[in-house]
Amino acid sequence: MALELKRKTKDGFTLIDSLIGLTIISLFSLFYIGITHQMNDQIDQSQKTLKVERKHYEDLLRNE
């Protein structure tokens, strides 16, 4: 009887430990994906700004 309870407790601990591990991995994966997406959006916005400023500067040079 005591061995049976220990086995069930060990299996329960293994299950909980696995769920905690999967939760941590999932949260960090979502965090990484979110940060990567945000950085890509910021890079895209910077590139658009650079193109607009470059065109404006080139137009100024042509008009001189």
PDB file of N, CA and C in Angstrom:
ATOM      1  N   MET A   1       0.823  -1.198   0.000  1.00  0.00           N
ATOM      2  CA  MET A   1       0.000   0.000   0.000  1.00  0.00           C
ATOM      3  C   MET A   1       0.866   1.261   0.000  1.00  0.00           C
ATOM      4  N   ALA A   2       1.912   1.273   0.805  1.00  0.00           N
ATOM      5  CA  ALA A   2       2.787   2.444   0.878  1.00  0.00           C
ATOM      6  C   ALA A   2       3.516   2.646  -0.447  1.00  0.00           C
ATOM      7  N   LEU A   3       3.925   1.559  -1.092  1.00  0.00           N
ATOM      8  CA  LEU A   3       4.603   1.672  -2.381  1.00  0.00           C
ATOM      9  C   LEU A   3       3.662   2.233  -3.441  1.00  0.00           C
ATOM     10  N   GLU A   4       2.405   1.802  -3.371  1.00  0.00           N
ATOM     11  CA  GLU A   4       1.424   2.277  -4.345  1.00  0.00           C
ATOM     12  C   GLU A   4       1.187   3.785  -4.198  1.00  0.00           C
ATOM     13  N   LEU A   5       1.114   4.296  -2.971  1.00  0.00           N
ATOM     14  CA  LEU A   5       0.930   5.725  -2.748  1.00  0.00           C
ATOM     15  C   LEU A   5       2.142   6.514  -3.232  1.00  0.00           C
ATOM     16  N   LYS A   6       3.344   5.980  -2.992  1.00  0.00           N
ATOM     17  CA  LYS A   6       4.549   6.673  -3.445  1.00  0.00           C
ATOM     18  C   LYS A   6       4.577   6.754  -4.965  1.00  0.00           C
ATOM     19  N   ARG A   7       4.195   5.683  -5.621  1.00  0.00           N
ATOM     20  CA  ARG A   7       4.198   5.665  -7.080  1.00  0.00           C
ATOM     21  C   ARG A   7       3.206   6.693  -7.627  1.00  0.00           C
ATOM     22  N   LYS A   8       2.012   6.765  -7.035  1.00  0.00           N
ATOM     23  CA  LYS A   8       1.018   7.745  -7.486  1.00  0.00           C
ATOM     24  C   LYS A   8       1.500   9.170  -7.235  1.00  0.00           C
ATOM     25  N   THR A   9       2.142   9.387  -6.094  1.00  0.00           N
ATOM     26  CA  THR A   9       2.667  10.711  -5.778  1.00  0.00           C
ATOM     27  C   THR A   9       3.763  11.094  -6.753  1.00  0.00           C
ATOM     28  N   LYS A  10       4.637  10.138  -7.076  1.00  0.00           N
ATOM     29  CA  LYS A  10       5.727  10.410  -8.012  1.00  0.00           C
ATOM     30  C   LYS A  10       5.168  10.713  -9.400  1.00  0.00           C
ATOM     31  N   ASP A  11       4.172   9.949  -9.833  1.00  0.00           N
ATOM     32  CA  ASP A  11       3.555  10.202 -11.136  1.00  0.00           C
ATOM     33  C   ASP A  11       2.875  11.572 -11.162  1.00  0.00           C
ATOM     34  N   GLY A  12       2.220  11.928 -10.060  1.00  0.00           N
ATOM     35  CA  GLY A  12       1.572  13.233  -9.971  1.00  0.00           C
ATOM     36  C   GLY A  12       2.586  14.360 -10.020  1.00  0.00           C
ATOM     37  N   PHE A  13       3.700  14.181  -9.314  1.00  0.00           N
ATOM     38  CA  PHE A  13       4.757  15.194  -9.320  1.00  0.00           C
ATOM     39  C   PHE A  13       5.339  15.340 -10.717  1.00  0.00           C
ATOM     40  N   THR A  14       5.555  14.225 -11.405  1.00  0.00           N
ATOM     41  CA  THR A  14       6.099  14.264 -12.761  1.00  0.00           C
ATOM     42  C   THR A  14       5.142  14.997 -13.698  1.00  0.00           C
ATOM     43  N   LEU A  15       3.854  14.743 -13.552  1.00  0.00           N
ATOM     44  CA  LEU A  15       2.853  15.410 -14.386  1.00  0.00           C
ATOM     45  C   LEU A  15       2.842  16.916 -14.134  1.00  0.00           C
ATOM     46  N   ILE A  16       2.820  17.307 -12.866  1.00  0.00           N
ATOM     47  CA  ILE A  16       2.813  18.734 -12.520  1.00  0.00           C
ATOM     48  C   ILE A  16       4.091  19.404 -13.005  1.00  0.00           C
ATOM     49  N   ASP A  17       5.229  18.737 -12.807  1.00  0.00           N
ATOM     50  CA  ASP A  17       6.517  19.284 -13.242  1.00  0.00           C
ATOM     51  C   ASP A  17       6.534  19.476 -14.758  1.00  0.00           C
ATOM     52  N   SER A  18       5.993  18.525 -15.484  1.00  0.00           N
ATOM     53  CA  SER A  18       5.929  18.640 -16.948  1.00  0.00           C
ATOM     54  C   SER A  18       5.030  19.795 -17.372  1.00  0.00           C
ATOM     55  N   LEU A  19       3.891  19.946 -16.719  1.00  0.00           N
ATOM     56  CA  LEU A  19       2.975  21.042 -17.051  1.00  0.00           C
ATOM     57  C   LEU A  19       3.603  22.405 -16.758  1.00  0.00           C
ATOM     58  N   ILE A  20       4.316  22.508 -15.643  1.00  0.00           N
ATOM     59  CA  ILE A  20       4.996  23.765 -15.317  1.00  0.00           C
ATOM     60  C   ILE A  20       6.057  24.060 -16.369  1.00  0.00           C
ATOM     61  N   GLY A  21       6.817  23.055 -16.760  1.00  0.00           N
ATOM     62  CA  GLY A  21       7.847  23.238 -17.781  1.00  0.00           C
ATOM     63  C   GLY A  21       7.261  23.677 -19.110  1.00  0.00           C
ATOM     64  N   LEU A  22       6.183  23.036 -19.530  1.00  0.00           N
ATOM     65  CA  LEU A  22       5.529  23.414 -20.789  1.00  0.00           C
ATOM     66  C   LEU A  22       4.964  24.831 -20.728  1.00  0.00           C
ATOM     67  N   THR A  23       4.427  25.201 -19.565  1.00  0.00           N
ATOM     68  CA  THR A  23       3.898  26.551 -19.396  1.00  0.00           C
ATOM     69  C   THR A  23       5.005  27.587 -19.520  1.00  0.00           C
ATOM     70  N   ILE A  24       6.134  27.335 -18.872  1.00  0.00           N
ATOM     71  CA  ILE A  24       7.262  28.273 -18.938  1.00  0.00           C
ATOM     72  C   ILE A  24       7.779  28.389 -20.367  1.00  0.00           C
ATOM     73  N   ILE A  25       7.943  27.266 -21.041  1.00  0.00           N
ATOM     74  CA  ILE A  25       8.421  27.282 -22.429  1.00  0.00           C
ATOM     75  C   ILE A  25       7.440  28.035 -23.324  1.00  0.00           C
ATOM     76  N   SER A  26       6.146  27.802 -23.133  1.00  0.00           N
ATOM     77  CA  SER A  26       5.129  28.483 -23.946  1.00  0.00           C
ATOM     78  C   SER A  26       5.146  29.989 -23.715  1.00  0.00           C
ATOM     79  N   LEU A  27       5.259  30.401 -22.449  1.00  0.00           N
ATOM     80  CA  LEU A  27       5.280  31.835 -22.148  1.00  0.00           C
ATOM     81  C   LEU A  27       6.495  32.516 -22.757  1.00  0.00           C
ATOM     82  N   PHE A  28       7.662  31.907 -22.638  1.00  0.00           N
ATOM     83  CA  PHE A  28       8.856  32.501 -23.222  1.00  0.00           C
ATOM     84  C   PHE A  28       8.783  32.509 -24.747  1.00  0.00           C
ATOM     85  N   SER A  29       8.177  31.484 -25.336  1.00  0.00           N
ATOM     86  CA  SER A  29       8.016  31.467 -26.795  1.00  0.00           C
ATOM     87  C   SER A  29       7.104  32.602 -27.249  1.00  0.00           C
ATOM     88  N   LEU A  30       5.988  32.788 -26.554  1.00  0.00           N
ATOM     89  CA  LEU A  30       5.075  33.881 -26.898  1.00  0.00           C
ATOM     90  C   LEU A  30       5.742  35.238 -26.696  1.00  0.00           C
ATOM     91  N   PHE A  31       6.510  35.374 -25.627  1.00  0.00           N
ATOM     92  CA  PHE A  31       7.240  36.615 -25.369  1.00  0.00           C
ATOM     93  C   PHE A  31       8.235  36.888 -26.488  1.00  0.00           C
ATOM     94  N   TYR A  32       8.967  35.866 -26.912  1.00  0.00           N
ATOM     95  CA  TYR A  32       9.957  36.014 -27.983  1.00  0.00           C
ATOM     96  C   TYR A  32       9.284  36.405 -29.300  1.00  0.00           C
ATOM     97  N   ILE A  33       8.184  35.735 -29.622  1.00  0.00           N
ATOM     98  CA  ILE A  33       7.458  36.041 -30.862  1.00  0.00           C
ATOM     99  C   ILE A  33       6.928  37.476 -30.823  1.00  0.00           C
ATOM    100  N   GLY A  34       6.390  37.892 -29.675  1.00  0.00           N
ATOM    101  CA  GLY A  34       5.872  39.249 -29.547  1.00  0.00           C
ATOM    102  C   GLY A  34       6.953  40.299 -29.702  1.00  0.00           C
ATOM    103  N   ILE A  35       8.095  40.079 -29.057  1.00  0.00           N
ATOM    104  CA  ILE A  35       9.204  41.034 -29.144  1.00  0.00           C
ATOM    105  C   ILE A  35       9.743  41.088 -30.572  1.00  0.00           C
ATOM    106  N   THR A  36       9.880  39.933 -31.213  1.00  0.00           N
ATOM    107  CA  THR A  36      10.374  39.891 -32.589  1.00  0.00           C
ATOM    108  C   THR A  36       9.433  40.646 -33.523  1.00  0.00           C
ATOM    109  N   HIS A  37       8.144  40.443 -33.348  1.00  0.00           N
ATOM    110  CA  HIS A  37       7.148  41.136 -34.177  1.00  0.00           C
ATOM    111  C   HIS A  37       7.230  42.651 -33.960  1.00  0.00           C
ATOM    112  N   GLN A  38       7.348  43.059 -32.705  1.00  0.00           N
ATOM    113  CA  GLN A  38       7.444  44.481 -32.388  1.00  0.00           C
ATOM    114  C   GLN A  38       8.708  45.091 -32.989  1.00  0.00           C
ATOM    115  N   MET A  39       9.816  44.384 -32.907  1.00  0.00           N
ATOM    116  CA  MET A  39      11.068  44.888 -33.480  1.00  0.00           C
ATOM    117  C   MET A  39      10.969  45.000 -34.995  1.00  0.00           C
ATOM    118  N   ASN A  40      10.353  44.020 -35.640  1.00  0.00           N
ATOM    119  CA  ASN A  40      10.190  44.075 -37.099  1.00  0.00           C
ATOM    120  C   ASN A  40       9.305  45.248 -37.514  1.00  0.00           C
ATOM    121  N   ASP A  41       8.252  45.503 -36.747  1.00  0.00           N
ATOM    122  CA  ASP A  41       7.397  46.660 -37.041  1.00  0.00           C
ATOM    123  C   ASP A  41       8.177  47.962 -36.898  1.00  0.00           C
ATOM    124  N   GLN A  42       9.005  48.029 -35.871  1.00  0.00           N
ATOM    125  CA  GLN A  42       9.800  49.239 -35.650  1.00  0.00           C
ATOM    126  C   GLN A  42      10.815  49.433 -36.780  1.00  0.00           C
ATOM    127  N   ILE A  43      11.430  48.349 -37.230  1.00  0.00           N
ATOM    128  CA  ILE A  43      12.380  48.427 -38.347  1.00  0.00           C
ATOM    129  C   ILE A  43      11.664  48.881 -39.616  1.00  0.00           C
ATOM    130  N   ASP A  44      10.479  48.316 -39.880  1.00  0.00           N
ATOM    131  CA  ASP A  44       9.705  48.722 -41.061  1.00  0.00           C
ATOM    132  C   ASP A  44       9.364  50.209 -41.008  1.00  0.00           C
ATOM    133  N   GLN A  45       8.954  50.685 -39.836  1.00  0.00           N
ATOM    134  CA  GLN A  45       8.613  52.099 -39.688  1.00  0.00           C
ATOM    135  C   GLN A  45       9.844  52.974 -39.906  1.00  0.00           C
ATOM    136  N   SER A  46      10.979  52.539 -39.391  1.00  0.00           N
ATOM    137  CA  SER A  46      12.223  53.305 -39.578  1.00  0.00           C
ATOM    138  C   SER A  46      12.618  53.358 -41.050  1.00  0.00           C
ATOM    139  N   GLN A  47      12.436  52.249 -41.761  1.00  0.00           N
ATOM    140  CA  GLN A  47      12.766  52.224 -43.188  1.00  0.00           C
ATOM    141  C   GLN A  47      11.850  53.148 -43.983  1.00  0.00           C
ATOM    142  N   LYS A  48      10.567  53.181 -43.624  1.00  0.00           N
ATOM    143  CA  LYS A  48       9.633  54.087 -44.303  1.00  0.00           C
ATOM    144  C   LYS A  48      10.029  55.539 -44.060  1.00  0.00           C
ATOM    145  N   THR A  49      10.373  55.852 -42.822  1.00  0.00           N
ATOM    146  CA  THR A  49      10.802  57.214 -42.493  1.00  0.00           C
ATOM    147  C   THR A  49      12.061  57.581 -43.262  1.00  0.00           C
ATOM    148  N   LEU A  50      12.995  56.652 -43.344  1.00  0.00           N
ATOM    149  CA  LEU A  50      14.244  56.896 -44.070  1.00  0.00           C
ATOM    150  C   LEU A  50      13.975  57.167 -45.549  1.00  0.00           C
ATOM    151  N   LYS A  51      13.074  56.403 -46.153  1.00  0.00           N
ATOM    152  CA  LYS A  51      12.746  56.613 -47.565  1.00  0.00           C
ATOM    153  C   LYS A  51      12.120  57.985 -47.791  1.00  0.00           C
ATOM    154  N   VAL A  52      11.221  58.386 -46.897  1.00  0.00           N
ATOM    155  CA  VAL A  52      10.569  59.693 -47.032  1.00  0.00           C
ATOM    156  C   VAL A  52      11.595  60.808 -46.881  1.00  0.00           C
ATOM    157  N   GLU A  53      12.455  60.696 -45.875  1.00  0.00           N
ATOM    158  CA  GLU A  53      13.480  61.727 -45.658  1.00  0.00           C
ATOM    159  C   GLU A  53      14.476  61.779 -46.814  1.00  0.00           C
ATOM    160  N   ARG A  54      14.820  60.611 -47.351  1.00  0.00           N
ATOM    161  CA  ARG A  54      15.752  60.568 -48.478  1.00  0.00           C
ATOM    162  C   ARG A  54      15.141  61.255 -49.702  1.00  0.00           C
ATOM    163  N   LYS A  55      13.876  60.944 -49.965  1.00  0.00           N
ATOM    164  CA  LYS A  55      13.201  61.577 -51.105  1.00  0.00           C
ATOM    165  C   LYS A  55      13.131  63.087 -50.914  1.00  0.00           C
ATOM    166  N   HIS A  56      12.811  63.504 -49.718  1.00  0.00           N
ATOM    167  CA  HIS A  56      12.747  64.942 -49.427  1.00  0.00           C
ATOM    168  C   HIS A  56      14.116  65.596 -49.643  1.00  0.00           C
ATOM    169  N   TYR A  57      15.163  64.978 -49.176  1.00  0.00           N
ATOM    170  CA  TYR A  57      16.521  65.509 -49.342  1.00  0.00           C
ATOM    171  C   TYR A  57      16.928  65.543 -50.816  1.00  0.00           C
ATOM    172  N   GLU A  58      16.607  64.478 -51.561  1.00  0.00           N
ATOM    173  CA  GLU A  58      16.934  64.446 -52.992  1.00  0.00           C
ATOM    174  C   GLU A  58      16.173  65.530 -53.751  1.00  0.00           C
ATOM    175  N   ASP A  59      14.919  65.755 -53.371  1.00  0.00           N
ATOM    176  CA  ASP A  59      14.136  66.816 -54.013  1.00  0.00           C
ATOM    177  C   ASP A  59      14.742  68.188 -53.732  1.00  0.00           C
ATOM    178  N   LEU A  60      15.219  68.383 -52.516  1.00  0.00           N
ATOM    179  CA  LEU A  60      15.870  69.652 -52.185  1.00  0.00           C
ATOM    180  C   LEU A  60      17.133  69.858 -53.011  1.00  0.00           C
ATOM    181  N   LEU A  61      17.901  68.797 -53.202  1.00  0.00           N
ATOM    182  CA  LEU A  61      19.131  68.901 -53.989  1.00  0.00           C
ATOM    183  C   LEU A  61      18.836  69.182 -55.460  1.00  0.00           C
ATOM    184  N   ARG A  62      17.773  68.608 -55.987  1.00  0.00           N
ATOM    185  CA  ARG A  62      17.409  68.822 -57.393  1.00  0.00           C
ATOM    186  C   ARG A  62      16.948  70.254 -57.629  1.00  0.00           C
ATOM    187  N   ASN A  63      16.272  70.826 -56.656  1.00  0.00           N
ATOM    188  CA  ASN A  63      15.718  72.173 -56.809  1.00  0.00           C
ATOM    189  C   ASN A  63      16.772  73.264 -56.664  1.00  0.00           C
ATOM    190  N   GLU A  64      17.930  72.919 -56.180  1.00  0.00           N
ATOM    191  CA  GLU A  64      18.980  73.942 -56.011  1.00  0.00           C
ATOM    192  C   GLU A  64      19.717  74.213 -57.281  1.00  0.00           C
TER     193      GLU A  64
END
